[in-house]
Amino acid sequence: MFFRLLLACLPALLLAAPAHAEPQEKATLTLEEAVAKVQQETGGKILSADPRRLGRRTEYRIKVLTPEGHVRVIAISSEAPPMGTGKNPAGNGAGNKEKH
C-alpha cells in the first residue's frame, strides 16, 4: 500500500520541484563590461566600441589594437557567455585583422 502511494505521488513531486527553483535571468553585459572583457582577453589598446541592435539583442563591436600590432574587430553579444567563450574571442584568428 505504501509503495503504491509513493508511486502515485512521485510524478507530482517531480513536477513541483522546478516551481521552487529560482528563475534564471539572462545577465546582460554593458558596453563598459564588454570593453573591459576585450581589454583583459587581448591585452591590447581599445580603439573604439559601438553598440549595434540586432533584432531584440544588442551586439558590441569593439576595435582593439593587439600587442602584436594587429587591429581586430571583436563582436560580443550583450548576452555574452562567460569569459573566454565570446563570438570572436581574441587569439583564435577569427577577428578582422589589419597590420599597422
Protein backbone atom coordinates (compact mmCIF):
# COMPACT_ATOMS: atom_id res chain seq x y z
CA MET A 1 0.00 0.00 0.00
CA PHE A 2 2.77 2.43 0.93
CA PHE A 3 4.63 1.63 -2.30
CA ARG A 4 1.53 2.40 -4.41
CA LEU A 5 1.01 5.68 -2.58
CA LEU A 6 4.64 6.60 -3.16
CA LEU A 7 4.39 5.80 -6.87
CA ALA A 8 1.18 7.82 -7.14
CA CYS A 9 2.78 10.89 -5.53
CA LEU A 10 6.13 10.69 -7.29
CA PRO A 11 5.12 12.46 -10.54
CA ALA A 12 3.54 15.31 -8.56
CA LEU A 13 6.72 15.71 -6.51
CA LEU A 14 8.91 15.74 -9.61
CA LEU A 15 6.74 18.31 -11.38
CA ALA A 16 6.63 20.57 -8.33
CA ALA A 17 10.42 20.77 -7.99
CA PRO A 18 11.03 23.35 -10.76
CA ALA A 19 8.38 25.66 -9.29
CA HIS A 20 10.60 26.15 -6.26
CA ALA A 21 13.71 26.86 -8.29
CA GLU A 22 14.65 30.49 -8.73
CA PRO A 23 14.03 31.85 -12.22
CA GLN A 24 17.21 32.22 -14.24
CA GLU A 25 17.52 35.67 -15.76
CA LYS A 26 19.98 36.37 -18.52
CA ALA A 27 22.76 38.54 -17.26
CA THR A 28 23.22 41.34 -19.76
CA LEU A 29 26.63 42.78 -20.47
CA THR A 30 27.06 46.56 -20.62
CA LEU A 31 29.27 48.26 -23.18
CA GLU A 32 31.80 49.10 -20.47
CA GLU A 33 31.91 45.47 -19.29
CA ALA A 34 32.36 44.25 -22.87
CA VAL A 35 35.25 46.70 -23.38
CA ALA A 36 36.87 45.53 -20.13
CA LYS A 37 36.43 41.91 -21.21
CA VAL A 38 38.14 42.50 -24.57
CA GLN A 39 40.89 44.54 -22.90
CA GLN A 40 41.56 41.74 -20.43
CA GLU A 41 41.46 38.97 -23.04
CA THR A 42 43.69 40.69 -25.62
CA GLY A 43 45.95 42.90 -23.53
CA GLY A 44 45.62 45.45 -26.34
CA LYS A 45 44.52 49.06 -26.66
CA ILE A 46 40.81 49.71 -27.29
CA LEU A 47 40.37 51.94 -30.33
CA SER A 48 36.57 52.13 -30.49
CA ALA A 49 33.44 50.45 -29.17
CA ASP A 50 29.98 50.66 -30.72
CA PRO A 51 26.66 49.04 -29.74
CA ARG A 52 24.51 47.67 -32.58
CA ARG A 53 20.93 46.45 -32.32
CA LEU A 54 20.30 43.07 -33.93
CA GLY A 55 16.61 42.40 -33.53
CA ARG A 56 15.93 42.14 -29.81
CA ARG A 57 19.52 41.85 -28.73
CA THR A 58 22.50 44.19 -28.73
CA GLU A 59 25.93 43.36 -30.07
CA TYR A 60 29.02 45.34 -29.15
CA ARG A 61 31.65 45.75 -31.88
CA ILE A 62 34.97 46.58 -30.27
CA LYS A 63 38.06 47.54 -32.27
CA VAL A 64 41.31 46.75 -30.48
CA LEU A 65 44.99 47.18 -31.32
CA THR A 66 46.70 43.98 -30.16
CA PRO A 67 50.20 43.94 -28.65
CA GLU A 68 51.36 42.29 -31.90
CA GLY A 69 50.27 45.38 -33.87
CA HIS A 70 47.10 43.94 -35.42
CA VAL A 71 43.79 45.77 -35.42
CA ARG A 72 40.98 43.38 -34.59
CA VAL A 73 37.23 43.90 -34.51
CA ILE A 74 35.62 41.68 -31.91
CA ALA A 75 31.83 41.28 -31.72
CA ILE A 76 30.34 40.42 -28.33
CA SER A 77 26.66 39.91 -27.63
CA SER A 78 25.13 41.76 -24.69
CA GLU A 79 24.01 38.30 -23.61
CA ALA A 80 27.58 37.05 -23.78
CA PRO A 81 28.57 33.75 -22.21
CA PRO A 82 31.24 33.61 -19.51
CA MET A 83 34.77 34.87 -20.13
CA GLY A 84 36.67 33.30 -22.98
CA THR A 85 33.72 31.94 -24.97
CA GLY A 86 32.65 35.06 -26.89
CA LYS A 87 31.69 35.16 -30.55
CA ASN A 88 35.18 36.07 -31.78
CA PRO A 89 37.46 35.51 -28.82
CA ALA A 90 40.88 37.06 -29.12
CA GLY A 91 43.70 34.82 -30.20
CA ASN A 92 41.79 32.36 -32.39
CA GLY A 93 42.35 34.24 -35.64
CA ALA A 94 38.63 34.76 -36.26
CA GLY A 95 38.64 38.55 -35.93
CA ASN A 96 39.25 41.07 -38.70
CA LYS A 97 42.94 41.92 -38.76
CA GLU A 98 44.89 44.82 -40.19
CA LYS A 99 48.66 45.16 -39.88
CA HIS A 100 49.88 48.54 -38.58
